[in-house]
Amino acid sequence: MLCFLEVMGVMVIGVCTIELQVPGSASLKDKRRIVKSVIARVRNTYNVSIAEVDHQDSWQLATLAVACVATDPGYAHGLLERVVSSLEEGRQGLVLLNYETELL
């Protein structure tokens, strides 16, 4: 009898929580427009799951959670680091305050 892990391989789930400041936002409507655009761009570019998970009622703060599934921990970590780097470059007028990556 084959072991389940031998048949399925190893699965790694990567989760990254990213805290951002949205300094150009003057209202919740502004912030939601910016964050929605960022979420769509990250999802389409990196093929990850992403959502705003905290600070929904704050005009200038946003917390995003990004998740991916892979068979290689190095790939999952690298993918999440590329997402963070793209947000850190600041082309969207965002300021990266903090982030935390976890592999499960």
PDB file of N, CA and C in Angstrom:
ATOM      1  N   MET A   1       0.845  -1.176   0.000  1.00  0.00           N
ATOM      2  CA  MET A   1       0.000   0.000   0.000  1.00  0.00           C
ATOM      3  C   MET A   1       0.893   1.243   0.000  1.00  0.00           C
ATOM      4  N   LEU A   2       0.641   2.145  -0.912  1.00  0.00           N
ATOM      5  CA  LEU A   2       1.424   3.386  -0.988  1.00  0.00           C
ATOM      6  C   LEU A   2       0.978   4.379   0.065  1.00  0.00           C
ATOM      7  N   CYS A   3       1.941   5.090   0.597  1.00  0.00           N
ATOM      8  CA  CYS A   3       1.635   6.150   1.553  1.00  0.00           C
ATOM      9  C   CYS A   3       0.948   7.298   0.808  1.00  0.00           C
ATOM     10  N   PHE A   4      -0.003   7.958   1.449  1.00  0.00           N
ATOM     11  CA  PHE A   4      -0.746   9.065   0.837  1.00  0.00           C
ATOM     12  C   PHE A   4       0.200  10.169   0.361  1.00  0.00           C
ATOM     13  N   LEU A   5       1.230  10.499   1.147  1.00  0.00           N
ATOM     14  CA  LEU A   5       2.164  11.556   0.758  1.00  0.00           C
ATOM     15  C   LEU A   5       2.986  11.161  -0.466  1.00  0.00           C
ATOM     16  N   GLU A   6       3.264   9.891  -0.624  1.00  0.00           N
ATOM     17  CA  GLU A   6       4.006   9.443  -1.799  1.00  0.00           C
ATOM     18  C   GLU A   6       3.165   9.621  -3.063  1.00  0.00           C
ATOM     19  N   VAL A   7       1.870   9.375  -2.950  1.00  0.00           N
ATOM     20  CA  VAL A   7       0.983   9.513  -4.090  1.00  0.00           C
ATOM     21  C   VAL A   7       0.734  10.991  -4.399  1.00  0.00           C
ATOM     22  N   MET A   8       0.456  11.780  -3.377  1.00  0.00           N
ATOM     23  CA  MET A   8       0.081  13.174  -3.568  1.00  0.00           C
ATOM     24  C   MET A   8       1.289  14.106  -3.651  1.00  0.00           C
ATOM     25  N   GLY A   9       2.424  13.735  -3.141  1.00  0.00           N
ATOM     26  CA  GLY A   9       3.555  14.648  -3.068  1.00  0.00           C
ATOM     27  C   GLY A   9       3.386  15.549  -1.841  1.00  0.00           C
ATOM     28  N   VAL A  10       4.335  16.422  -1.659  1.00  0.00           N
ATOM     29  CA  VAL A  10       4.281  17.325  -0.512  1.00  0.00           C
ATOM     30  C   VAL A  10       3.590  18.605  -0.939  1.00  0.00           C
ATOM     31  N   MET A  11       2.668  19.074  -0.125  1.00  0.00           N
ATOM     32  CA  MET A  11       1.951  20.307  -0.417  1.00  0.00           C
ATOM     33  C   MET A  11       2.370  21.370   0.593  1.00  0.00           C
ATOM     34  N   VAL A  12       2.705  22.528   0.093  1.00  0.00           N
ATOM     35  CA  VAL A  12       3.083  23.658   0.937  1.00  0.00           C
ATOM     36  C   VAL A  12       2.096  24.781   0.685  1.00  0.00           C
ATOM     37  N   ILE A  13       1.591  25.365   1.762  1.00  0.00           N
ATOM     38  CA  ILE A  13       0.712  26.524   1.664  1.00  0.00           C
ATOM     39  C   ILE A  13       1.491  27.718   2.188  1.00  0.00           C
ATOM     40  N   GLY A  14       1.616  28.733   1.371  1.00  0.00           N
ATOM     41  CA  GLY A  14       2.299  29.958   1.763  1.00  0.00           C
ATOM     42  C   GLY A  14       1.285  31.049   2.015  1.00  0.00           C
ATOM     43  N   VAL A  15       1.452  31.741   3.143  1.00  0.00           N
ATOM     44  CA  VAL A  15       0.552  32.840   3.498  1.00  0.00           C
ATOM     45  C   VAL A  15       1.394  34.047   3.869  1.00  0.00           C
ATOM     46  N   CYS A  16       1.061  35.187   3.307  1.00  0.00           N
ATOM     47  CA  CYS A  16       1.782  36.417   3.607  1.00  0.00           C
ATOM     48  C   CYS A  16       0.765  37.486   3.966  1.00  0.00           C
ATOM     49  N   THR A  17       0.949  38.105   5.129  1.00  0.00           N
ATOM     50  CA  THR A  17       0.105  39.207   5.565  1.00  0.00           C
ATOM     51  C   THR A  17       0.891  40.490   5.372  1.00  0.00           C
ATOM     52  N   ILE A  18       0.304  41.445   4.667  1.00  0.00           N
ATOM     53  CA  ILE A  18       0.996  42.673   4.282  1.00  0.00           C
ATOM     54  C   ILE A  18       0.212  43.879   4.791  1.00  0.00           C
ATOM     55  N   GLU A  19       0.879  44.710   5.576  1.00  0.00           N
ATOM     56  CA  GLU A  19       0.265  45.942   6.072  1.00  0.00           C
ATOM     57  C   GLU A  19       0.738  47.105   5.214  1.00  0.00           C
ATOM     58  N   LEU A  20      -0.221  47.873   4.692  1.00  0.00           N
ATOM     59  CA  LEU A  20       0.089  48.969   3.782  1.00  0.00           C
ATOM     60  C   LEU A  20      -0.532  50.272   4.264  1.00  0.00           C
ATOM     61  N   GLN A  21       0.111  51.355   3.907  1.00  0.00           N
ATOM     62  CA  GLN A  21      -0.458  52.681   4.086  1.00  0.00           C
ATOM     63  C   GLN A  21      -0.834  53.176   2.695  1.00  0.00           C
ATOM     64  N   VAL A  22      -1.983  53.829   2.599  1.00  0.00           N
ATOM     65  CA  VAL A  22      -2.470  54.373   1.329  1.00  0.00           C
ATOM     66  C   VAL A  22      -2.545  55.892   1.492  1.00  0.00           C
ATOM     67  N   PRO A  23      -1.393  56.595   1.426  1.00  0.00           N
ATOM     68  CA  PRO A  23      -1.365  58.020   1.758  1.00  0.00           C
ATOM     69  C   PRO A  23      -2.158  58.908   0.800  1.00  0.00           C
ATOM     70  N   GLY A  24      -2.364  58.492  -0.430  1.00  0.00           N
ATOM     71  CA  GLY A  24      -3.087  59.321  -1.393  1.00  0.00           C
ATOM     72  C   GLY A  24      -4.592  59.251  -1.252  1.00  0.00           C
ATOM     73  N   SER A  25      -5.075  58.469  -0.333  1.00  0.00           N
ATOM     74  CA  SER A  25      -6.505  58.278  -0.165  1.00  0.00           C
ATOM     75  C   SER A  25      -7.101  59.354   0.746  1.00  0.00           C
ATOM     76  N   ALA A  26      -8.190  59.973   0.283  1.00  0.00           N
ATOM     77  CA  ALA A  26      -8.871  61.002   1.081  1.00  0.00           C
ATOM     78  C   ALA A  26     -10.213  60.518   1.604  1.00  0.00           C
ATOM     79  N   SER A  27     -10.596  59.296   1.236  1.00  0.00           N
ATOM     80  CA  SER A  27     -11.872  58.743   1.684  1.00  0.00           C
ATOM     81  C   SER A  27     -11.820  57.226   1.562  1.00  0.00           C
ATOM     82  N   LEU A  28     -12.810  56.573   2.139  1.00  0.00           N
ATOM     83  CA  LEU A  28     -12.893  55.118   1.999  1.00  0.00           C
ATOM     84  C   LEU A  28     -13.087  54.723   0.540  1.00  0.00           C
ATOM     85  N   LYS A  29     -13.825  55.535  -0.191  1.00  0.00           N
ATOM     86  CA  LYS A  29     -14.053  55.254  -1.608  1.00  0.00           C
ATOM     87  C   LYS A  29     -12.732  55.275  -2.385  1.00  0.00           C
ATOM     88  N   ASP A  30     -11.884  56.275  -2.109  1.00  0.00           N
ATOM     89  CA  ASP A  30     -10.560  56.346  -2.740  1.00  0.00           C
ATOM     90  C   ASP A  30      -9.733  55.111  -2.406  1.00  0.00           C
ATOM     91  N   LYS A  31      -9.701  54.782  -1.113  1.00  0.00           N
ATOM     92  CA  LYS A  31      -8.893  53.640  -0.679  1.00  0.00           C
ATOM     93  C   LYS A  31      -9.377  52.346  -1.320  1.00  0.00           C
ATOM     94  N   ARG A  32     -10.666  52.136  -1.340  1.00  0.00           N
ATOM     95  CA  ARG A  32     -11.209  50.900  -1.918  1.00  0.00           C
ATOM     96  C   ARG A  32     -10.895  50.792  -3.403  1.00  0.00           C
ATOM     97  N   ARG A  33     -10.930  51.909  -4.113  1.00  0.00           N
ATOM     98  CA  ARG A  33     -10.593  51.913  -5.540  1.00  0.00           C
ATOM     99  C   ARG A  33      -9.135  51.500  -5.734  1.00  0.00           C
ATOM    100  N   ILE A  34      -8.241  52.073  -4.935  1.00  0.00           N
ATOM    101  CA  ILE A  34      -6.812  51.766  -5.037  1.00  0.00           C
ATOM    102  C   ILE A  34      -6.545  50.312  -4.662  1.00  0.00           C
ATOM    103  N   VAL A  35      -7.095  49.876  -3.540  1.00  0.00           N
ATOM    104  CA  VAL A  35      -6.861  48.512  -3.054  1.00  0.00           C
ATOM    105  C   VAL A  35      -7.446  47.486  -4.022  1.00  0.00           C
ATOM    106  N   LYS A  36      -8.628  47.762  -4.555  1.00  0.00           N
ATOM    107  CA  LYS A  36      -9.244  46.845  -5.517  1.00  0.00           C
ATOM    108  C   LYS A  36      -8.360  46.686  -6.757  1.00  0.00           C
ATOM    109  N   SER A  37      -7.777  47.779  -7.213  1.00  0.00           N
ATOM    110  CA  SER A  37      -6.878  47.746  -8.365  1.00  0.00           C
ATOM    111  C   SER A  37      -5.622  46.928  -8.058  1.00  0.00           C
ATOM    112  N   VAL A  38      -5.055  47.123  -6.872  1.00  0.00           N
ATOM    113  CA  VAL A  38      -3.854  46.392  -6.461  1.00  0.00           C
ATOM    114  C   VAL A  38      -4.157  44.895  -6.365  1.00  0.00           C
ATOM    115  N   ILE A  39      -5.276  44.555  -5.774  1.00  0.00           N
ATOM    116  CA  ILE A  39      -5.662  43.153  -5.622  1.00  0.00           C
ATOM    117  C   ILE A  39      -5.806  42.485  -6.992  1.00  0.00           C
ATOM    118  N   ALA A  40      -6.468  43.152  -7.919  1.00  0.00           N
ATOM    119  CA  ALA A  40      -6.654  42.584  -9.255  1.00  0.00           C
ATOM    120  C   ALA A  40      -5.312  42.403  -9.967  1.00  0.00           C
ATOM    121  N   ARG A  41      -4.426  43.392  -9.856  1.00  0.00           N
ATOM    122  CA  ARG A  41      -3.124  43.308 -10.522  1.00  0.00           C
ATOM    123  C   ARG A  41      -2.288  42.171  -9.953  1.00  0.00           C
ATOM    124  N   VAL A  42      -2.237  42.057  -8.615  1.00  0.00           N
ATOM    125  CA  VAL A  42      -1.449  40.993  -7.976  1.00  0.00           C
ATOM    126  C   VAL A  42      -2.025  39.625  -8.331  1.00  0.00           C
ATOM    127  N   ARG A  43      -3.328  39.497  -8.275  1.00  0.00           N
ATOM    128  CA  ARG A  43      -3.968  38.208  -8.588  1.00  0.00           C
ATOM    129  C   ARG A  43      -3.655  37.781 -10.027  1.00  0.00           C
ATOM    130  N   ASN A  44      -3.749  38.704 -10.953  1.00  0.00           N
ATOM    131  CA  ASN A  44      -3.513  38.379 -12.363  1.00  0.00           C
ATOM    132  C   ASN A  44      -2.043  38.152 -12.676  1.00  0.00           C
ATOM    133  N   THR A  45      -1.154  38.903 -12.035  1.00  0.00           N
ATOM    134  CA  THR A  45       0.276  38.796 -12.321  1.00  0.00           C
ATOM    135  C   THR A  45       0.896  37.550 -11.707  1.00  0.00           C
ATOM    136  N   TYR A  46       0.529  37.230 -10.477  1.00  0.00           N
ATOM    137  CA  TYR A  46       1.204  36.164  -9.737  1.00  0.00           C
ATOM    138  C   TYR A  46       0.366  34.898  -9.537  1.00  0.00           C
ATOM    139  N   ASN A  47      -0.884  34.884  -9.968  1.00  0.00           N
ATOM    140  CA  ASN A  47      -1.752  33.720  -9.827  1.00  0.00           C
ATOM    141  C   ASN A  47      -1.821  33.241  -8.370  1.00  0.00           C
ATOM    142  N   VAL A  48      -2.122  34.173  -7.474  1.00  0.00           N
ATOM    143  CA  VAL A  48      -2.263  33.889  -6.051  1.00  0.00           C
ATOM    144  C   VAL A  48      -3.664  34.308  -5.605  1.00  0.00           C
ATOM    145  N   SER A  49      -4.051  33.858  -4.437  1.00  0.00           N
ATOM    146  CA  SER A  49      -5.280  34.343  -3.815  1.00  0.00           C
ATOM    147  C   SER A  49      -4.909  35.542  -2.954  1.00  0.00           C
ATOM    148  N   ILE A  50      -5.709  36.602  -3.003  1.00  0.00           N
ATOM    149  CA  ILE A  50      -5.411  37.806  -2.251  1.00  0.00           C
ATOM    150  C   ILE A  50      -6.718  38.484  -1.859  1.00  0.00           C
ATOM    151  N   ALA A  51      -6.739  39.029  -0.639  1.00  0.00           N
ATOM    152  CA  ALA A  51      -7.930  39.729  -0.154  1.00  0.00           C
ATOM    153  C   ALA A  51      -7.516  40.738   0.906  1.00  0.00           C
ATOM    154  N   GLU A  52      -8.343  41.777   1.053  1.00  0.00           N
ATOM    155  CA  GLU A  52      -8.155  42.722   2.156  1.00  0.00           C
ATOM    156  C   GLU A  52      -8.775  42.082   3.395  1.00  0.00           C
ATOM    157  N   VAL A  53      -7.990  41.964   4.470  1.00  0.00           N
ATOM    158  CA  VAL A  53      -8.453  41.218   5.647  1.00  0.00           C
ATOM    159  C   VAL A  53      -8.562  42.061   6.918  1.00  0.00           C
ATOM    160  N   ASP A  54      -8.110  43.312   6.877  1.00  0.00           N
ATOM    161  CA  ASP A  54      -8.204  44.163   8.063  1.00  0.00           C
ATOM    162  C   ASP A  54      -8.154  45.623   7.642  1.00  0.00           C
ATOM    163  N   HIS A  55      -8.561  46.497   8.533  1.00  0.00           N
ATOM    164  CA  HIS A  55      -8.582  47.954   8.328  1.00  0.00           C
ATOM    165  C   HIS A  55      -9.544  48.363   7.214  1.00  0.00           C
ATOM    166  N   GLN A  56     -10.633  47.631   7.028  1.00  0.00           N
ATOM    167  CA  GLN A  56     -11.580  47.979   5.972  1.00  0.00           C
ATOM    168  C   GLN A  56     -12.232  49.342   6.184  1.00  0.00           C
ATOM    169  N   ASP A  57     -12.296  49.816   7.424  1.00  0.00           N
ATOM    170  CA  ASP A  57     -12.938  51.099   7.706  1.00  0.00           C
ATOM    171  C   ASP A  57     -11.939  52.241   7.876  1.00  0.00           C
ATOM    172  N   SER A  58     -10.690  51.994   7.604  1.00  0.00           N
ATOM    173  CA  SER A  58      -9.655  53.029   7.711  1.00  0.00           C
ATOM    174  C   SER A  58      -9.397  53.630   6.334  1.00  0.00           C
ATOM    175  N   TRP A  59      -9.257  54.936   6.267  1.00  0.00           N
ATOM    176  CA  TRP A  59      -9.040  55.616   4.988  1.00  0.00           C
ATOM    177  C   TRP A  59      -7.656  55.377   4.418  1.00  0.00           C
ATOM    178  N   GLN A  60      -6.663  55.199   5.283  1.00  0.00           N
ATOM    179  CA  GLN A  60      -5.295  55.141   4.781  1.00  0.00           C
ATOM    180  C   GLN A  60      -4.512  53.904   5.185  1.00  0.00           C
ATOM    181  N   LEU A  61      -5.167  52.908   5.735  1.00  0.00           N
ATOM    182  CA  LEU A  61      -4.488  51.657   6.080  1.00  0.00           C
ATOM    183  C   LEU A  61      -5.202  50.490   5.418  1.00  0.00           C
ATOM    184  N   ALA A  62      -4.423  49.494   5.033  1.00  0.00           N
ATOM    185  CA  ALA A  62      -4.990  48.269   4.461  1.00  0.00           C
ATOM    186  C   ALA A  62      -4.099  47.100   4.858  1.00  0.00           C
ATOM    187  N   THR A  63      -4.708  45.991   5.180  1.00  0.00           N
ATOM    188  CA  THR A  63      -3.973  44.763   5.422  1.00  0.00           C
ATOM    189  C   THR A  63      -4.459  43.736   4.416  1.00  0.00           C
ATOM    190  N   LEU A  64      -3.515  43.223   3.633  1.00  0.00           N
ATOM    191  CA  LEU A  64      -3.819  42.231   2.616  1.00  0.00           C
ATOM    192  C   LEU A  64      -3.248  40.882   3.034  1.00  0.00           C
ATOM    193  N   ALA A  65      -3.950  39.816   2.707  1.00  0.00           N
ATOM    194  CA  ALA A  65      -3.442  38.463   2.898  1.00  0.00           C
ATOM    195  C   ALA A  65      -3.298  37.834   1.524  1.00  0.00           C
ATOM    196  N   VAL A  66      -2.133  37.243   1.280  1.00  0.00           N
ATOM    197  CA  VAL A  66      -1.835  36.595   0.007  1.00  0.00           C
ATOM    198  C   VAL A  66      -1.536  35.131   0.304  1.00  0.00           C
ATOM    199  N   ALA A  67      -2.119  34.233  -0.476  1.00  0.00           N
ATOM    200  CA  ALA A  67      -1.899  32.803  -0.257  1.00  0.00           C
ATOM    201  C   ALA A  67      -1.586  32.101  -1.572  1.00  0.00           C
ATOM    202  N   CYS A  68      -0.732  31.064  -1.467  1.00  0.00           N
ATOM    203  CA  CYS A  68      -0.414  30.235  -2.626  1.00  0.00           C
ATOM    204  C   CYS A  68      -0.218  28.800  -2.167  1.00  0.00           C
ATOM    205  N   VAL A  69      -0.364  27.883  -3.102  1.00  0.00           N
ATOM    206  CA  VAL A  69      -0.138  26.464  -2.844  1.00  0.00           C
ATOM    207  C   VAL A  69       0.924  25.995  -3.823  1.00  0.00           C
ATOM    208  N   ALA A  70       1.905  25.251  -3.311  1.00  0.00           N
ATOM    209  CA  ALA A  70       2.996  24.768  -4.157  1.00  0.00           C
ATOM    210  C   ALA A  70       3.497  23.434  -3.618  1.00  0.00           C
ATOM    211  N   THR A  71       4.363  22.795  -4.387  1.00  0.00           N
ATOM    212  CA  THR A  71       4.983  21.556  -3.929  1.00  0.00           C
ATOM    213  C   THR A  71       6.382  21.802  -3.389  1.00  0.00           C
ATOM    214  N   ASP A  72       6.909  23.001  -3.616  1.00  0.00           N
ATOM    215  CA  ASP A  72       8.262  23.345  -3.181  1.00  0.00           C
ATOM    216  C   ASP A  72       8.213  24.559  -2.259  1.00  0.00           C
ATOM    217  N   PRO A  73       8.702  24.431  -1.020  1.00  0.00           N
ATOM    218  CA  PRO A  73       8.679  25.566  -0.095  1.00  0.00           C
ATOM    219  C   PRO A  73       9.456  26.773  -0.626  1.00  0.00           C
ATOM    220  N   GLY A  74      10.553  26.527  -1.318  1.00  0.00           N
ATOM    221  CA  GLY A  74      11.347  27.625  -1.868  1.00  0.00           C
ATOM    222  C   GLY A  74      10.579  28.414  -2.910  1.00  0.00           C
ATOM    223  N   TYR A  75       9.817  27.703  -3.743  1.00  0.00           N
ATOM    224  CA  TYR A  75       9.017  28.377  -4.752  1.00  0.00           C
ATOM    225  C   TYR A  75       7.938  29.231  -4.104  1.00  0.00           C
ATOM    226  N   ALA A  76       7.230  28.674  -3.111  1.00  0.00           N
ATOM    227  CA  ALA A  76       6.159  29.412  -2.431  1.00  0.00           C
ATOM    228  C   ALA A  76       6.711  30.664  -1.762  1.00  0.00           C
ATOM    229  N   HIS A  77       7.828  30.524  -1.067  1.00  0.00           N
ATOM    230  CA  HIS A  77       8.431  31.670  -0.386  1.00  0.00           C
ATOM    231  C   HIS A  77       8.877  32.728  -1.400  1.00  0.00           C
ATOM    232  N   GLY A  78       9.514  32.297  -2.471  1.00  0.00           N
ATOM    233  CA  GLY A  78       9.976  33.225  -3.501  1.00  0.00           C
ATOM    234  C   GLY A  78       8.831  33.961  -4.175  1.00  0.00           C
ATOM    235  N   LEU A  79       7.738  33.254  -4.435  1.00  0.00           N
ATOM    236  CA  LEU A  79       6.569  33.869  -5.053  1.00  0.00           C
ATOM    237  C   LEU A  79       5.995  34.960  -4.153  1.00  0.00           C
ATOM    238  N   LEU A  80       5.860  34.660  -2.871  1.00  0.00           N
ATOM    239  CA  LEU A  80       5.325  35.658  -1.934  1.00  0.00           C
ATOM    240  C   LEU A  80       6.275  36.845  -1.783  1.00  0.00           C
ATOM    241  N   GLU A  81       7.576  36.596  -1.818  1.00  0.00           N
ATOM    242  CA  GLU A  81       8.551  37.693  -1.752  1.00  0.00           C
ATOM    243  C   GLU A  81       8.450  38.585  -2.988  1.00  0.00           C
ATOM    244  N   ARG A  82       8.194  37.994  -4.147  1.00  0.00           N
ATOM    245  CA  ARG A  82       8.022  38.803  -5.368  1.00  0.00           C
ATOM    246  C   ARG A  82       6.780  39.670  -5.269  1.00  0.00           C
ATOM    247  N   VAL A  83       5.712  39.146  -4.680  1.00  0.00           N
ATOM    248  CA  VAL A  83       4.501  39.947  -4.479  1.00  0.00           C
ATOM    249  C   VAL A  83       4.814  41.138  -3.579  1.00  0.00           C
ATOM    250  N   VAL A  84       5.500  40.882  -2.462  1.00  0.00           N
ATOM    251  CA  VAL A  84       5.857  41.961  -1.538  1.00  0.00           C
ATOM    252  C   VAL A  84       6.738  42.990  -2.243  1.00  0.00           C
ATOM    253  N   SER A  85       7.719  42.532  -2.993  1.00  0.00           N
ATOM    254  CA  SER A  85       8.615  43.454  -3.707  1.00  0.00           C
ATOM    255  C   SER A  85       7.855  44.330  -4.688  1.00  0.00           C
ATOM    256  N   SER A  86       6.885  43.756  -5.377  1.00  0.00           N
ATOM    257  CA  SER A  86       6.119  44.553  -6.341  1.00  0.00           C
ATOM    258  C   SER A  86       5.305  45.629  -5.635  1.00  0.00           C
ATOM    259  N   LEU A  87       4.798  45.334  -4.441  1.00  0.00           N
ATOM    260  CA  LEU A  87       4.053  46.332  -3.680  1.00  0.00           C
ATOM    261  C   LEU A  87       4.986  47.377  -3.076  1.00  0.00           C
ATOM    262  N   GLU A  88       6.181  46.949  -2.720  1.00  0.00           N
ATOM    263  CA  GLU A  88       7.157  47.836  -2.094  1.00  0.00           C
ATOM    264  C   GLU A  88       7.717  48.867  -3.078  1.00  0.00           C
ATOM    265  N   GLU A  89       7.722  48.530  -4.365  1.00  0.00           N
ATOM    266  CA  GLU A  89       8.242  49.448  -5.370  1.00  0.00           C
ATOM    267  C   GLU A  89       7.480  50.759  -5.399  1.00  0.00           C
ATOM    268  N   GLY A  90       6.238  50.737  -4.934  1.00  0.00           N
ATOM    269  CA  GLY A  90       5.498  51.969  -4.732  1.00  0.00           C
ATOM    270  C   GLY A  90       4.884  52.609  -5.954  1.00  0.00           C
ATOM    271  N   ARG A  91       4.760  51.898  -7.038  1.00  0.00           N
ATOM    272  CA  ARG A  91       4.147  52.493  -8.228  1.00  0.00           C
ATOM    273  C   ARG A  91       2.677  52.841  -8.008  1.00  0.00           C
ATOM    274  N   GLN A  92       2.039  52.207  -7.051  1.00  0.00           N
ATOM    275  CA  GLN A  92       0.623  52.472  -6.790  1.00  0.00           C
ATOM    276  C   GLN A  92       0.433  53.549  -5.726  1.00  0.00           C
ATOM    277  N   GLY A  93       1.503  54.140  -5.244  1.00  0.00           N
ATOM    278  CA  GLY A  93       1.400  55.140  -4.190  1.00  0.00           C
ATOM    279  C   GLY A  93       1.194  54.531  -2.816  1.00  0.00           C
ATOM    280  N   LEU A  94       1.550  53.260  -2.656  1.00  0.00           N
ATOM    281  CA  LEU A  94       1.403  52.570  -1.380  1.00  0.00           C
ATOM    282  C   LEU A  94       2.720  52.591  -0.622  1.00  0.00           C
ATOM    283  N   VAL A  95       2.624  52.543   0.704  1.00  0.00           N
ATOM    284  CA  VAL A  95       3.805  52.451   1.549  1.00  0.00           C
ATOM    285  C   VAL A  95       3.716  51.136   2.313  1.00  0.00           C
ATOM    286  N   LEU A  96       4.728  50.288   2.149  1.00  0.00           N
ATOM    287  CA  LEU A  96       4.769  49.013   2.861  1.00  0.00           C
ATOM    288  C   LEU A  96       5.176  49.272   4.306  1.00  0.00           C
ATOM    289  N   LEU A  97       4.305  48.941   5.243  1.00  0.00           N
ATOM    290  CA  LEU A  97       4.596  49.140   6.661  1.00  0.00           C
ATOM    291  C   LEU A  97       5.220  47.904   7.291  1.00  0.00           C
ATOM    292  N   ASN A  98       4.686  46.736   6.945  1.00  0.00           N
ATOM    293  CA  ASN A  98       5.172  45.502   7.550  1.00  0.00           C
ATOM    294  C   ASN A  98       4.615  44.318   6.755  1.00  0.00           C
ATOM    295  N   TYR A  99       5.303  43.177   6.829  1.00  0.00           N
ATOM    296  CA  TYR A  99       4.764  41.962   6.252  1.00  0.00           C
ATOM    297  C   TYR A  99       5.323  40.764   7.004  1.00  0.00           C
ATOM    298  N   GLU A 100       4.583  39.676   6.936  1.00  0.00           N
ATOM    299  CA  GLU A 100       4.973  38.428   7.600  1.00  0.00           C
ATOM    300  C   GLU A 100       4.597  37.270   6.698  1.00  0.00           C
ATOM    301  N   THR A 101       5.558  36.389   6.470  1.00  0.00           N
ATOM    302  CA  THR A 101       5.336  35.224   5.609  1.00  0.00           C
ATOM    303  C   THR A 101       5.397  33.957   6.450  1.00  0.00           C
ATOM    304  N   GLU A 102       4.483  33.032   6.161  1.00  0.00           N
ATOM    305  CA  GLU A 102       4.441  31.776   6.891  1.00  0.00           C
ATOM    306  C   GLU A 102       4.194  30.647   5.895  1.00  0.00           C
ATOM    307  N   LEU A 103       4.927  29.570   6.041  1.00  0.00           N
ATOM    308  CA  LEU A 103       4.721  28.385   5.215  1.00  0.00           C
ATOM    309  C   LEU A 103       4.135  27.279   6.074  1.00  0.00           C
ATOM    310  N   LEU A 104       3.063  26.675   5.604  1.00  0.00           N
ATOM    311  CA  LEU A 104       2.380  25.615   6.359  1.00  0.00           C
ATOM    312  C   LEU A 104       2.544  24.285   5.657  1.00  0.00           C
TER     313      LEU A 104
END
